[in-house]
Protein backbone atom coordinates (compact mmCIF):
# COMPACT_ATOMS: atom_id res chain seq x y z
CA UNK A 1 -13.88 -32.47 32.57
CA UNK A 2 -14.59 -29.01 31.15
CA UNK A 3 -14.00 -28.19 27.51
CA UNK A 4 -12.71 -24.75 26.61
CA UNK A 5 -14.46 -23.47 23.47
CA UNK A 6 -12.56 -20.91 21.40
CA UNK A 7 -14.29 -19.20 18.48
CA UNK A 8 -11.93 -17.43 16.09
CA UNK A 9 -13.19 -14.88 13.57
CA UNK A 10 -10.64 -14.01 10.91
CA UNK A 11 -10.28 -12.69 7.38
CA UNK A 12 -8.39 -14.92 4.95
CA UNK A 13 -6.66 -11.97 3.24
CA UNK A 14 -5.61 -10.14 6.43
CA UNK A 15 -1.89 -10.57 7.19
CA UNK A 16 -2.48 -9.93 10.91
CA UNK A 17 -5.07 -12.73 11.04
CA UNK A 18 -2.50 -15.07 9.46
CA UNK A 19 0.05 -14.13 12.13
CA UNK A 20 -2.54 -14.56 14.87
CA UNK A 21 -3.48 -18.00 13.53
CA UNK A 22 0.17 -19.03 13.55
CA UNK A 23 0.63 -17.79 17.13
CA UNK A 24 -2.54 -19.55 18.30
CA UNK A 25 -1.41 -22.81 16.65
CA UNK A 26 1.91 -22.51 18.49
CA UNK A 27 0.01 -21.95 21.76
CA UNK A 28 -2.02 -25.13 21.16
CA UNK A 29 1.18 -27.13 20.56
CA UNK A 30 2.65 -25.85 23.84
CA UNK A 31 -0.35 -26.94 25.94
CA UNK A 32 0.08 -29.99 28.15
CA UNK A 33 -1.49 -33.22 26.92
CA UNK A 34 -5.00 -33.87 28.13
CA UNK A 35 -6.33 -30.32 27.76
CA UNK A 36 -9.71 -30.31 26.00
CA UNK A 37 -10.10 -27.35 23.66
CA UNK A 38 -12.68 -27.01 20.91
CA UNK A 39 -11.63 -24.49 18.25
CA UNK A 40 -14.27 -23.06 15.93
CA UNK A 41 -12.88 -21.14 12.94
CA UNK A 42 -15.13 -18.61 11.24
CA UNK A 43 -14.46 -16.17 8.42
CA UNK A 44 -15.71 -12.62 8.07
């Protein structure tokens, strides 16, 4: 099975990054079970 790797670069003080993180977390919750996704969080 393939693993989808997602690398997220964000700034901890940026309000738009906070909104994007929330939206991405919601997306992950809505995925069907069994999807393999590796999320790598990085800060700028």
